[in-house]
Each structure stands twice: as structure tokens, then as C-alpha cells.
Amino acid sequence: NKHGRGGAPAATSAYGMSSGALSNKPPVQKYHVHKAILSVGPRRSDYFATLFKQSALSEHSTNTSRISLQDSAADAFPSVLDYIYTDKPVKFTSKNATAIRHLAHYFGIRSLWKLASAYIKGDFSLETSAVYLSESLLYHDEKLENASIDILASRIEEINRRTLARLPPSSFERIVTSPKLKCRSKKLSDIVLKYCQTQGDAVDMPLLM
């Protein structure tokens, strides 16, 4: 049986899970899953396989887990459960791939981690790098963060102004001070000025120097 939302667990091997975004948007979702499916087989979760053996933990006695996630991870969580339960391929996008890879790492689903990594490698480009930068900051993915900074710095003259405006000041500063930066001086001054105008008080003075 596939995992479901709501209702009562159908068997003694059933396990209750709830996932909630740290922002409380979307609201908490509850899932009824099965221990054997989560912890056994080629798509098993090493996290749950270990958890179900730890009788001293509260999750063992209550048969429930409560997980707090970043918004994009909360949105991607059903796809992770679908991957464990079904043979359907995961529908990766630039917006969900980093979150899925984070969840795969957290829950110890090695095959899914490899799939997500392969997708990111093939999808990574100047057009997607700003999305990957924001997601890498959420999930503390330093390697992906540095790769995103490098490509944005080396091709900053090609980046849409709206894309730059959506970057946090700390990321923008890393881009314009990166050793990989390739930009004409006059063009760079214009880019920095326009960015500061969109950010207002959020920009520190050192960025203007």
C-alpha cells in the first residue's frame, strides 16, 4: 500500500509521520507509512532503519515522528516518500533538486541522493545558478554555493537585473568581490549602483566602496 494522508494506520507495522515547514506555510502534513517499506529494500531509508531499532527513543514507543523542514523541503517531502514507495521516477526541477538531495542525505536514501546529484550537475547553468545559490544557502551546501557564486561572478554582465535584485546582500557582495569576477569597471559600478537602489537600507556601506 502506498503512503497516505489522514485516517488510521492499517497495520501494526504502520508508522505515523508529520512534516511541517519552519515558516508554518504550508501547514503540517501527516503521513501514514509502513516500517518495512521505509527500512528495507533498495530504496530504503538508513535513517528509519536505524530509528526502528532504537527502542529507547520516543518515536519507537509512539510510532510517530515529527519533522520540521525548510519550505522547499516540506514541499519536496511527498516526492521522497513516493520514491521509496513506487518505481516512478522523481520529477526533479531546479527549485526542488537541492531540497530533495538534502532530504536524501538526511534520511540516508543513497540512491535518491545520487539521482539528485546527477540532475543538479546536468541542470546547473548560468540560468539556474541563482536558484541553486538560494537553495544551497538554505541547506548549507557549501560546494554548490561556491559553484553558484563562481559562475555568477564570471558572467555577471549576462545576468538579468531582476535576478541580481533577488539575491541577499551577503551573496551579492561575495559575487562582486569574487576572484572569478569578470566585469568591466564601469559596468560593475552600474550593476552595484542599481542593486543598491533596489535594496535600500539592507545594503551596508562597504558594498558601495
N, C-alpha and C. Protein backbone atom coordinates (compact mmCIF):
# COMPACT_ATOMS: atom_id res chain seq x y z
N ASN A 1 0.83 -1.20 0.00
CA ASN A 1 0.00 0.00 0.00
C ASN A 1 0.86 1.25 0.00
N LYS A 2 0.41 2.21 -0.73
CA LYS A 2 1.15 3.47 -0.78
C LYS A 2 0.87 4.28 0.47
N HIS A 3 1.81 5.15 0.81
CA HIS A 3 1.60 6.03 1.97
C HIS A 3 0.41 6.92 1.71
N GLY A 4 -0.25 7.36 2.79
CA GLY A 4 -1.43 8.21 2.59
C GLY A 4 -1.49 9.29 3.66
N ARG A 5 -2.40 10.22 3.47
CA ARG A 5 -2.62 11.29 4.43
C ARG A 5 -3.93 11.04 5.14
N GLY A 6 -3.96 11.32 6.44
CA GLY A 6 -5.19 11.19 7.20
C GLY A 6 -5.54 9.74 7.48
N GLY A 7 -6.64 9.51 8.22
CA GLY A 7 -7.09 8.15 8.52
C GLY A 7 -6.25 7.51 9.60
N ALA A 8 -6.50 6.21 9.85
CA ALA A 8 -5.79 5.49 10.90
C ALA A 8 -4.84 4.48 10.29
N PRO A 9 -3.70 4.20 10.96
CA PRO A 9 -2.79 3.19 10.46
C PRO A 9 -3.52 1.86 10.31
N ALA A 10 -3.20 1.13 9.22
CA ALA A 10 -3.95 -0.07 8.91
C ALA A 10 -3.34 -1.33 9.49
N ALA A 11 -2.10 -1.26 10.00
CA ALA A 11 -1.46 -2.47 10.48
C ALA A 11 -0.49 -2.13 11.59
N THR A 12 -0.05 -3.18 12.32
CA THR A 12 0.87 -2.94 13.43
C THR A 12 2.20 -2.41 12.95
N SER A 13 2.52 -2.64 11.66
CA SER A 13 3.78 -2.13 11.12
C SER A 13 3.65 -0.68 10.64
N ALA A 14 2.44 -0.11 10.79
CA ALA A 14 2.23 1.25 10.33
C ALA A 14 2.98 2.23 11.23
N TYR A 15 3.31 3.37 10.64
CA TYR A 15 4.07 4.38 11.35
C TYR A 15 3.56 5.74 10.93
N GLY A 16 3.39 6.64 11.89
CA GLY A 16 2.88 7.96 11.58
C GLY A 16 3.99 8.99 11.48
N MET A 17 3.93 9.83 10.46
CA MET A 17 4.90 10.89 10.28
C MET A 17 4.17 12.20 10.01
N SER A 18 4.73 13.28 10.50
CA SER A 18 4.19 14.58 10.15
C SER A 18 5.35 15.49 9.81
N SER A 19 5.18 16.27 8.74
CA SER A 19 6.21 17.21 8.32
C SER A 19 5.61 18.60 8.31
N GLY A 20 6.37 19.55 8.84
CA GLY A 20 5.91 20.92 8.86
C GLY A 20 7.02 21.87 8.46
N ALA A 21 6.66 22.90 7.68
CA ALA A 21 7.65 23.89 7.28
C ALA A 21 7.97 24.80 8.46
N LEU A 22 9.20 25.26 8.53
CA LEU A 22 9.61 26.14 9.62
C LEU A 22 8.83 27.44 9.62
N SER A 23 8.34 27.84 8.44
CA SER A 23 7.56 29.07 8.33
C SER A 23 6.07 28.84 8.63
N ASN A 24 5.72 27.56 8.88
CA ASN A 24 4.31 27.16 9.07
C ASN A 24 3.48 27.31 7.80
N LYS A 25 4.14 27.48 6.67
CA LYS A 25 3.48 27.52 5.36
C LYS A 25 4.26 26.61 4.43
N PRO A 26 3.69 25.54 3.91
CA PRO A 26 2.32 25.08 4.11
C PRO A 26 2.11 24.49 5.50
N PRO A 27 0.85 24.21 5.90
CA PRO A 27 0.59 23.66 7.22
C PRO A 27 1.15 22.24 7.36
N VAL A 28 1.18 21.75 8.60
CA VAL A 28 1.71 20.42 8.88
C VAL A 28 0.94 19.36 8.10
N GLN A 29 1.67 18.45 7.48
CA GLN A 29 1.06 17.34 6.76
C GLN A 29 1.35 16.05 7.51
N LYS A 30 0.35 15.17 7.59
CA LYS A 30 0.52 13.89 8.27
C LYS A 30 0.51 12.76 7.25
N TYR A 31 1.40 11.80 7.44
CA TYR A 31 1.51 10.67 6.53
C TYR A 31 1.49 9.37 7.32
N HIS A 32 0.78 8.38 6.79
CA HIS A 32 0.78 7.05 7.39
C HIS A 32 1.62 6.15 6.48
N VAL A 33 2.72 5.67 7.02
CA VAL A 33 3.68 4.90 6.24
C VAL A 33 3.90 3.55 6.92
N HIS A 34 4.72 2.71 6.34
CA HIS A 34 4.95 1.37 6.86
C HIS A 34 6.43 1.13 7.11
N LYS A 35 6.72 0.62 8.29
CA LYS A 35 8.10 0.44 8.69
C LYS A 35 8.89 -0.41 7.71
N ALA A 36 8.29 -1.51 7.26
CA ALA A 36 9.01 -2.44 6.39
C ALA A 36 9.42 -1.77 5.08
N ILE A 37 8.56 -0.91 4.55
CA ILE A 37 8.86 -0.25 3.28
C ILE A 37 9.92 0.83 3.48
N LEU A 38 9.83 1.56 4.59
CA LEU A 38 10.80 2.62 4.85
C LEU A 38 12.20 2.09 5.12
N SER A 39 12.29 0.92 5.73
CA SER A 39 13.59 0.46 6.25
C SER A 39 14.20 -0.74 5.54
N VAL A 40 13.52 -1.27 4.51
CA VAL A 40 14.03 -2.46 3.82
C VAL A 40 13.97 -2.24 2.31
N GLY A 41 14.92 -2.80 1.60
CA GLY A 41 14.88 -2.75 0.15
C GLY A 41 15.87 -1.76 -0.44
N PRO A 42 15.97 -1.73 -1.76
CA PRO A 42 16.96 -0.88 -2.43
C PRO A 42 16.72 0.61 -2.27
N ARG A 43 15.50 1.00 -1.97
CA ARG A 43 15.19 2.43 -1.78
C ARG A 43 14.95 2.76 -0.31
N ARG A 44 15.43 1.92 0.56
CA ARG A 44 15.20 2.11 1.99
C ARG A 44 15.88 3.38 2.52
N SER A 45 15.40 3.81 3.67
CA SER A 45 15.99 4.94 4.39
C SER A 45 16.85 4.39 5.53
N ASP A 46 18.15 4.64 5.47
CA ASP A 46 19.04 4.20 6.56
C ASP A 46 18.65 4.86 7.88
N TYR A 47 18.14 6.08 7.78
CA TYR A 47 17.70 6.82 8.98
C TYR A 47 16.61 6.03 9.71
N PHE A 48 15.58 5.62 8.97
CA PHE A 48 14.48 4.90 9.61
C PHE A 48 14.87 3.47 9.96
N ALA A 49 15.72 2.85 9.18
CA ALA A 49 16.18 1.50 9.52
C ALA A 49 16.87 1.50 10.87
N THR A 50 17.66 2.55 11.15
CA THR A 50 18.33 2.67 12.44
C THR A 50 17.34 3.07 13.53
N LEU A 51 16.45 4.01 13.20
CA LEU A 51 15.48 4.51 14.17
C LEU A 51 14.60 3.39 14.72
N PHE A 52 14.15 2.50 13.85
CA PHE A 52 13.22 1.46 14.27
C PHE A 52 13.88 0.41 15.16
N LYS A 53 15.20 0.44 15.23
CA LYS A 53 15.92 -0.49 16.11
C LYS A 53 16.21 0.11 17.48
N GLN A 54 15.95 1.43 17.63
CA GLN A 54 16.26 2.12 18.88
C GLN A 54 15.03 2.17 19.77
N SER A 55 14.86 1.16 20.61
CA SER A 55 13.65 1.06 21.43
C SER A 55 13.57 2.15 22.51
N ALA A 56 14.69 2.79 22.83
CA ALA A 56 14.68 3.79 23.90
C ALA A 56 14.14 5.14 23.43
N LEU A 57 14.08 5.36 22.13
CA LEU A 57 13.64 6.65 21.61
C LEU A 57 12.13 6.79 21.69
N SER A 58 11.67 8.02 21.85
CA SER A 58 10.23 8.27 21.98
C SER A 58 9.48 7.86 20.72
N GLU A 59 10.13 8.01 19.55
CA GLU A 59 9.48 7.63 18.30
C GLU A 59 9.11 6.16 18.28
N HIS A 60 9.91 5.34 18.98
CA HIS A 60 9.66 3.90 18.98
C HIS A 60 8.38 3.58 19.74
N SER A 61 8.17 4.26 20.87
CA SER A 61 7.00 3.97 21.70
C SER A 61 5.72 4.60 21.14
N THR A 62 5.85 5.75 20.50
CA THR A 62 4.66 6.44 19.98
C THR A 62 4.35 6.09 18.53
N ASN A 63 5.32 5.46 17.85
CA ASN A 63 5.16 5.12 16.43
C ASN A 63 4.91 6.36 15.57
N THR A 64 5.49 7.48 15.98
CA THR A 64 5.34 8.71 15.21
C THR A 64 6.65 9.49 15.19
N SER A 65 6.82 10.27 14.14
CA SER A 65 7.95 11.20 14.03
C SER A 65 7.41 12.56 13.61
N ARG A 66 7.99 13.61 14.14
CA ARG A 66 7.62 14.97 13.75
C ARG A 66 8.88 15.64 13.21
N ILE A 67 8.82 16.13 11.98
CA ILE A 67 9.98 16.69 11.31
C ILE A 67 9.69 18.11 10.88
N SER A 68 10.58 19.04 11.25
CA SER A 68 10.45 20.44 10.81
C SER A 68 11.42 20.69 9.67
N LEU A 69 10.90 21.26 8.58
CA LEU A 69 11.69 21.40 7.36
C LEU A 69 11.61 22.82 6.81
N GLN A 70 12.61 23.19 6.02
CA GLN A 70 12.51 24.42 5.24
C GLN A 70 11.35 24.27 4.25
N ASP A 71 10.81 25.39 3.79
CA ASP A 71 9.62 25.35 2.93
C ASP A 71 9.81 24.44 1.71
N SER A 72 10.93 24.58 1.02
CA SER A 72 11.13 23.80 -0.20
C SER A 72 11.28 22.32 0.12
N ALA A 73 11.85 21.99 1.29
CA ALA A 73 11.97 20.59 1.70
C ALA A 73 10.60 20.02 2.08
N ALA A 74 9.78 20.83 2.73
CA ALA A 74 8.43 20.39 3.08
C ALA A 74 7.62 20.11 1.81
N ASP A 75 7.81 20.96 0.80
CA ASP A 75 7.11 20.76 -0.47
C ASP A 75 7.61 19.49 -1.18
N ALA A 76 8.91 19.19 -1.01
CA ALA A 76 9.53 18.05 -1.71
C ALA A 76 9.35 16.74 -0.97
N PHE A 77 8.97 16.79 0.29
CA PHE A 77 8.91 15.57 1.11
C PHE A 77 8.00 14.49 0.52
N PRO A 78 6.81 14.82 -0.02
CA PRO A 78 5.98 13.78 -0.63
C PRO A 78 6.68 13.06 -1.78
N SER A 79 7.52 13.78 -2.52
CA SER A 79 8.25 13.16 -3.63
C SER A 79 9.26 12.14 -3.11
N VAL A 80 9.83 12.41 -1.93
CA VAL A 80 10.77 11.47 -1.33
C VAL A 80 10.04 10.20 -0.91
N LEU A 81 8.86 10.35 -0.30
CA LEU A 81 8.07 9.18 0.08
C LEU A 81 7.62 8.41 -1.17
N ASP A 82 7.24 9.13 -2.21
CA ASP A 82 6.85 8.46 -3.46
C ASP A 82 8.00 7.64 -4.01
N TYR A 83 9.20 8.17 -3.91
CA TYR A 83 10.38 7.46 -4.41
C TYR A 83 10.58 6.14 -3.66
N ILE A 84 10.40 6.17 -2.34
CA ILE A 84 10.57 4.96 -1.53
C ILE A 84 9.49 3.93 -1.86
N TYR A 85 8.28 4.41 -2.08
CA TYR A 85 7.12 3.52 -2.22
C TYR A 85 6.88 3.02 -3.64
N THR A 86 7.28 3.77 -4.63
CA THR A 86 6.92 3.42 -6.01
C THR A 86 8.16 3.34 -6.90
N ASP A 87 7.94 2.88 -8.12
CA ASP A 87 9.01 2.81 -9.13
C ASP A 87 9.00 4.03 -10.04
N LYS A 88 8.14 4.97 -9.75
CA LYS A 88 8.04 6.16 -10.60
C LYS A 88 9.29 7.03 -10.45
N PRO A 89 9.77 7.60 -11.54
CA PRO A 89 10.93 8.50 -11.45
C PRO A 89 10.56 9.79 -10.75
N VAL A 90 11.50 10.35 -10.04
CA VAL A 90 11.27 11.62 -9.34
C VAL A 90 11.27 12.75 -10.35
N LYS A 91 10.32 13.66 -10.22
CA LYS A 91 10.26 14.82 -11.11
C LYS A 91 11.10 15.95 -10.53
N PHE A 92 12.36 15.97 -10.91
CA PHE A 92 13.28 17.00 -10.42
C PHE A 92 13.07 18.30 -11.19
N THR A 93 13.28 19.41 -10.49
CA THR A 93 13.34 20.74 -11.10
C THR A 93 14.48 21.50 -10.45
N SER A 94 14.82 22.64 -11.02
CA SER A 94 15.87 23.47 -10.42
C SER A 94 15.48 23.89 -9.00
N LYS A 95 14.17 24.06 -8.77
CA LYS A 95 13.70 24.55 -7.49
C LYS A 95 13.62 23.47 -6.40
N ASN A 96 13.48 22.20 -6.81
CA ASN A 96 13.34 21.18 -5.77
C ASN A 96 14.53 20.23 -5.63
N ALA A 97 15.45 20.24 -6.59
CA ALA A 97 16.53 19.25 -6.59
C ALA A 97 17.43 19.35 -5.36
N THR A 98 17.77 20.56 -4.94
CA THR A 98 18.65 20.72 -3.77
C THR A 98 17.94 20.25 -2.51
N ALA A 99 16.66 20.57 -2.39
CA ALA A 99 15.88 20.13 -1.22
C ALA A 99 15.77 18.61 -1.19
N ILE A 100 15.52 18.00 -2.35
CA ILE A 100 15.42 16.53 -2.40
C ILE A 100 16.76 15.90 -2.05
N ARG A 101 17.85 16.46 -2.55
CA ARG A 101 19.16 15.91 -2.21
C ARG A 101 19.44 16.05 -0.72
N HIS A 102 19.04 17.17 -0.14
CA HIS A 102 19.20 17.37 1.30
C HIS A 102 18.41 16.31 2.08
N LEU A 103 17.16 16.09 1.68
CA LEU A 103 16.33 15.09 2.36
C LEU A 103 16.91 13.69 2.18
N ALA A 104 17.42 13.39 0.99
CA ALA A 104 18.02 12.09 0.73
C ALA A 104 19.23 11.86 1.62
N HIS A 105 20.01 12.92 1.82
CA HIS A 105 21.17 12.82 2.71
C HIS A 105 20.73 12.64 4.16
N TYR A 106 19.76 13.44 4.58
CA TYR A 106 19.29 13.40 5.97
C TYR A 106 18.70 12.04 6.32
N PHE A 107 17.90 11.50 5.40
CA PHE A 107 17.23 10.24 5.67
C PHE A 107 18.02 9.01 5.20
N GLY A 108 19.20 9.25 4.65
CA GLY A 108 20.05 8.13 4.26
C GLY A 108 19.48 7.30 3.12
N ILE A 109 19.00 7.98 2.08
CA ILE A 109 18.48 7.27 0.90
C ILE A 109 19.52 7.46 -0.21
N ARG A 110 20.47 6.58 -0.25
CA ARG A 110 21.66 6.78 -1.08
C ARG A 110 21.35 6.88 -2.57
N SER A 111 20.47 6.01 -3.05
CA SER A 111 20.16 6.02 -4.49
C SER A 111 19.50 7.32 -4.91
N LEU A 112 18.65 7.87 -4.05
CA LEU A 112 17.99 9.14 -4.37
C LEU A 112 18.99 10.28 -4.34
N TRP A 113 19.94 10.23 -3.42
CA TRP A 113 20.98 11.27 -3.35
C TRP A 113 21.77 11.29 -4.66
N LYS A 114 22.09 10.13 -5.18
CA LYS A 114 22.85 10.05 -6.43
C LYS A 114 22.04 10.60 -7.60
N LEU A 115 20.75 10.28 -7.62
CA LEU A 115 19.89 10.79 -8.69
C LEU A 115 19.78 12.32 -8.64
N ALA A 116 19.61 12.86 -7.44
CA ALA A 116 19.51 14.31 -7.28
C ALA A 116 20.81 15.00 -7.67
N SER A 117 21.92 14.42 -7.28
CA SER A 117 23.24 14.99 -7.62
C SER A 117 23.45 15.00 -9.12
N ALA A 118 23.07 13.90 -9.79
CA ALA A 118 23.22 13.81 -11.24
C ALA A 118 22.34 14.86 -11.93
N TYR A 119 21.12 15.07 -11.41
CA TYR A 119 20.23 16.06 -12.00
C TYR A 119 20.83 17.46 -11.85
N ILE A 120 21.30 17.79 -10.67
CA ILE A 120 21.87 19.12 -10.42
C ILE A 120 23.07 19.37 -11.33
N LYS A 121 23.91 18.36 -11.48
CA LYS A 121 25.10 18.50 -12.34
C LYS A 121 24.69 18.81 -13.78
N GLY A 122 23.67 18.13 -14.27
CA GLY A 122 23.22 18.35 -15.63
C GLY A 122 22.41 19.62 -15.83
N ASP A 123 21.75 20.07 -14.79
CA ASP A 123 20.85 21.23 -14.87
C ASP A 123 21.56 22.55 -14.55
N PHE A 124 22.70 22.46 -13.90
CA PHE A 124 23.40 23.65 -13.42
C PHE A 124 23.90 24.50 -14.59
N SER A 125 23.54 25.77 -14.59
CA SER A 125 23.95 26.69 -15.65
C SER A 125 23.81 28.11 -15.13
N LEU A 126 24.17 29.08 -15.97
CA LEU A 126 24.00 30.47 -15.58
C LEU A 126 22.53 30.77 -15.29
N GLU A 127 21.64 30.19 -16.08
CA GLU A 127 20.21 30.46 -15.93
C GLU A 127 19.64 29.90 -14.63
N THR A 128 20.21 28.82 -14.13
CA THR A 128 19.68 28.19 -12.92
C THR A 128 20.52 28.46 -11.67
N SER A 129 21.67 29.07 -11.85
CA SER A 129 22.62 29.22 -10.73
C SER A 129 22.10 30.07 -9.58
N ALA A 130 21.27 31.08 -9.87
CA ALA A 130 20.74 31.91 -8.79
C ALA A 130 19.78 31.12 -7.90
N VAL A 131 18.99 30.24 -8.54
CA VAL A 131 18.09 29.37 -7.76
C VAL A 131 18.92 28.42 -6.90
N TYR A 132 19.95 27.82 -7.50
CA TYR A 132 20.78 26.89 -6.74
C TYR A 132 21.54 27.61 -5.63
N LEU A 133 21.90 28.86 -5.85
CA LEU A 133 22.57 29.61 -4.79
C LEU A 133 21.65 29.80 -3.59
N SER A 134 20.42 30.22 -3.83
CA SER A 134 19.50 30.45 -2.72
C SER A 134 19.20 29.15 -1.97
N GLU A 135 19.04 28.05 -2.72
CA GLU A 135 18.76 26.76 -2.09
C GLU A 135 19.99 26.22 -1.34
N SER A 136 21.16 26.44 -1.91
CA SER A 136 22.38 25.96 -1.24
C SER A 136 22.60 26.67 0.09
N LEU A 137 22.20 27.92 0.18
CA LEU A 137 22.31 28.67 1.44
C LEU A 137 21.36 28.10 2.49
N LEU A 138 20.17 27.70 2.05
CA LEU A 138 19.19 27.12 2.98
C LEU A 138 19.69 25.81 3.58
N TYR A 139 20.36 25.01 2.74
CA TYR A 139 20.73 23.66 3.16
C TYR A 139 22.23 23.50 3.43
N HIS A 140 22.91 24.64 3.53
CA HIS A 140 24.34 24.64 3.90
C HIS A 140 25.16 23.74 2.99
N ASP A 141 24.86 23.82 1.70
CA ASP A 141 25.59 23.04 0.70
C ASP A 141 26.72 23.92 0.16
N GLU A 142 27.86 23.87 0.81
CA GLU A 142 28.95 24.79 0.52
C GLU A 142 29.51 24.61 -0.89
N LYS A 143 29.61 23.37 -1.35
CA LYS A 143 30.15 23.12 -2.69
C LYS A 143 29.26 23.71 -3.77
N LEU A 144 27.95 23.53 -3.64
CA LEU A 144 27.01 24.09 -4.60
C LEU A 144 26.97 25.61 -4.50
N GLU A 145 27.08 26.12 -3.29
CA GLU A 145 27.09 27.57 -3.08
C GLU A 145 28.29 28.20 -3.79
N ASN A 146 29.47 27.61 -3.62
CA ASN A 146 30.67 28.16 -4.23
C ASN A 146 30.61 28.08 -5.75
N ALA A 147 30.08 26.98 -6.28
CA ALA A 147 29.94 26.84 -7.73
C ALA A 147 28.99 27.90 -8.29
N SER A 148 27.93 28.18 -7.55
CA SER A 148 26.95 29.19 -7.97
C SER A 148 27.58 30.58 -7.96
N ILE A 149 28.31 30.89 -6.91
CA ILE A 149 29.00 32.19 -6.81
C ILE A 149 29.98 32.35 -7.96
N ASP A 150 30.72 31.30 -8.26
CA ASP A 150 31.75 31.36 -9.31
C ASP A 150 31.16 31.67 -10.68
N ILE A 151 30.08 30.97 -11.05
CA ILE A 151 29.51 31.19 -12.38
C ILE A 151 28.82 32.55 -12.46
N LEU A 152 28.18 32.98 -11.37
CA LEU A 152 27.53 34.29 -11.37
C LEU A 152 28.57 35.41 -11.45
N ALA A 153 29.72 35.23 -10.81
CA ALA A 153 30.77 36.23 -10.84
C ALA A 153 31.44 36.30 -12.22
N SER A 154 31.70 35.15 -12.80
CA SER A 154 32.41 35.13 -14.08
C SER A 154 31.56 35.61 -15.25
N ARG A 155 30.22 35.61 -15.06
CA ARG A 155 29.33 36.02 -16.16
C ARG A 155 28.29 37.03 -15.69
N ILE A 156 28.71 37.88 -14.78
CA ILE A 156 27.78 38.82 -14.15
C ILE A 156 27.15 39.80 -15.16
N GLU A 157 27.88 40.11 -16.21
CA GLU A 157 27.34 41.05 -17.20
C GLU A 157 26.15 40.46 -17.97
N GLU A 158 26.00 39.14 -17.93
CA GLU A 158 24.93 38.48 -18.66
C GLU A 158 23.68 38.26 -17.80
N ILE A 159 23.77 38.55 -16.51
CA ILE A 159 22.69 38.20 -15.59
C ILE A 159 21.58 39.26 -15.63
N ASN A 160 20.37 38.81 -15.64
CA ASN A 160 19.21 39.70 -15.60
C ASN A 160 19.23 40.50 -14.30
N ARG A 161 18.92 41.79 -14.39
CA ARG A 161 18.95 42.68 -13.20
C ARG A 161 17.97 42.22 -12.12
N ARG A 162 16.83 41.69 -12.54
CA ARG A 162 15.85 41.22 -11.55
C ARG A 162 16.39 40.02 -10.78
N THR A 163 17.16 39.18 -11.47
CA THR A 163 17.77 38.03 -10.81
C THR A 163 18.76 38.50 -9.76
N LEU A 164 19.57 39.48 -10.10
CA LEU A 164 20.53 40.02 -9.13
C LEU A 164 19.81 40.67 -7.95
N ALA A 165 18.72 41.38 -8.23
CA ALA A 165 17.99 42.09 -7.18
C ALA A 165 17.42 41.15 -6.13
N ARG A 166 17.15 39.91 -6.53
CA ARG A 166 16.58 38.95 -5.59
C ARG A 166 17.64 38.31 -4.68
N LEU A 167 18.90 38.52 -4.98
CA LEU A 167 19.96 37.93 -4.15
C LEU A 167 20.11 38.70 -2.85
N PRO A 168 20.38 38.02 -1.74
CA PRO A 168 20.64 38.73 -0.48
C PRO A 168 21.96 39.48 -0.58
N PRO A 169 22.10 40.60 0.15
CA PRO A 169 23.32 41.40 0.08
C PRO A 169 24.60 40.60 0.32
N SER A 170 24.56 39.65 1.24
CA SER A 170 25.77 38.87 1.52
C SER A 170 26.22 38.07 0.30
N SER A 171 25.26 37.53 -0.45
CA SER A 171 25.60 36.78 -1.66
C SER A 171 26.08 37.71 -2.77
N PHE A 172 25.40 38.84 -2.92
CA PHE A 172 25.81 39.80 -3.95
C PHE A 172 27.23 40.30 -3.68
N GLU A 173 27.54 40.56 -2.43
CA GLU A 173 28.88 41.04 -2.09
C GLU A 173 29.93 39.98 -2.41
N ARG A 174 29.61 38.71 -2.15
CA ARG A 174 30.55 37.64 -2.49
C ARG A 174 30.79 37.56 -3.99
N ILE A 175 29.75 37.82 -4.77
CA ILE A 175 29.88 37.76 -6.22
C ILE A 175 30.78 38.88 -6.73
N VAL A 176 30.53 40.10 -6.29
CA VAL A 176 31.28 41.25 -6.84
C VAL A 176 32.70 41.33 -6.27
N THR A 177 33.01 40.59 -5.23
CA THR A 177 34.37 40.57 -4.68
C THR A 177 35.08 39.24 -4.97
N SER A 178 34.44 38.40 -5.75
CA SER A 178 35.00 37.07 -6.06
C SER A 178 36.23 37.18 -6.97
N PRO A 179 37.22 36.33 -6.76
CA PRO A 179 38.38 36.28 -7.67
C PRO A 179 37.98 35.87 -9.09
N LYS A 180 36.82 35.25 -9.22
CA LYS A 180 36.33 34.80 -10.52
C LYS A 180 35.61 35.92 -11.29
N LEU A 181 35.46 37.09 -10.67
CA LEU A 181 34.69 38.17 -11.27
C LEU A 181 35.31 38.63 -12.59
N LYS A 182 34.46 38.70 -13.61
CA LYS A 182 34.87 39.22 -14.91
C LYS A 182 33.85 40.27 -15.32
N CYS A 183 34.25 41.53 -15.20
CA CYS A 183 33.31 42.61 -15.49
C CYS A 183 34.08 43.91 -15.70
N ARG A 184 33.69 44.66 -16.71
CA ARG A 184 34.30 45.96 -16.94
C ARG A 184 33.99 46.89 -15.76
N SER A 185 34.95 47.74 -15.43
CA SER A 185 34.84 48.58 -14.24
C SER A 185 33.58 49.45 -14.27
N LYS A 186 33.33 50.11 -15.38
CA LYS A 186 32.17 50.98 -15.49
C LYS A 186 30.88 50.18 -15.37
N LYS A 187 30.86 49.02 -16.00
CA LYS A 187 29.69 48.15 -15.94
C LYS A 187 29.44 47.67 -14.52
N LEU A 188 30.52 47.31 -13.82
CA LEU A 188 30.39 46.84 -12.45
C LEU A 188 29.83 47.94 -11.55
N SER A 189 30.31 49.16 -11.73
CA SER A 189 29.79 50.28 -10.93
C SER A 189 28.30 50.47 -11.14
N ASP A 190 27.87 50.31 -12.39
CA ASP A 190 26.46 50.44 -12.71
C ASP A 190 25.64 49.32 -12.08
N ILE A 191 26.18 48.09 -12.13
CA ILE A 191 25.49 46.94 -11.55
C ILE A 191 25.33 47.11 -10.04
N VAL A 192 26.41 47.54 -9.38
CA VAL A 192 26.37 47.73 -7.92
C VAL A 192 25.39 48.84 -7.55
N LEU A 193 25.41 49.94 -8.30
CA LEU A 193 24.51 51.06 -8.02
C LEU A 193 23.05 50.63 -8.14
N LYS A 194 22.74 49.94 -9.23
CA LYS A 194 21.36 49.51 -9.46
C LYS A 194 20.93 48.51 -8.37
N TYR A 195 21.83 47.64 -7.97
CA TYR A 195 21.49 46.67 -6.92
C TYR A 195 21.20 47.40 -5.61
N CYS A 196 22.05 48.35 -5.27
CA CYS A 196 21.86 49.09 -4.02
C CYS A 196 20.55 49.87 -4.01
N GLN A 197 20.17 50.37 -5.16
CA GLN A 197 18.91 51.12 -5.25
C GLN A 197 17.70 50.22 -4.98
N THR A 198 17.82 48.95 -5.34
CA THR A 198 16.70 48.02 -5.11
C THR A 198 16.67 47.51 -3.67
N GLN A 199 17.80 47.61 -2.96
CA GLN A 199 17.89 47.03 -1.62
C GLN A 199 17.66 48.03 -0.50
N GLY A 200 17.87 49.30 -0.78
CA GLY A 200 17.67 50.32 0.25
C GLY A 200 18.61 50.15 1.43
N ASP A 201 18.06 50.17 2.64
CA ASP A 201 18.86 50.11 3.86
C ASP A 201 19.47 48.74 4.13
N ALA A 202 19.10 47.75 3.32
CA ALA A 202 19.62 46.39 3.56
C ALA A 202 21.08 46.26 3.17
N VAL A 203 21.59 47.23 2.40
CA VAL A 203 22.97 47.17 1.90
C VAL A 203 23.89 47.96 2.82
N ASP A 204 24.99 47.34 3.24
CA ASP A 204 25.99 48.01 4.07
C ASP A 204 26.88 48.91 3.20
N MET A 205 27.44 49.93 3.81
CA MET A 205 28.29 50.86 3.11
C MET A 205 29.51 50.23 2.42
N PRO A 206 30.15 49.22 3.01
CA PRO A 206 31.33 48.64 2.34
C PRO A 206 31.05 48.19 0.92
N LEU A 207 29.83 47.80 0.61
CA LEU A 207 29.49 47.35 -0.72
C LEU A 207 29.56 48.49 -1.73
N LEU A 208 29.39 49.71 -1.24
CA LEU A 208 29.38 50.88 -2.12
C LEU A 208 30.79 51.42 -2.38
N MET A 209 31.74 50.96 -1.62
CA MET A 209 33.11 51.49 -1.70
C MET A 209 33.82 50.97 -2.95
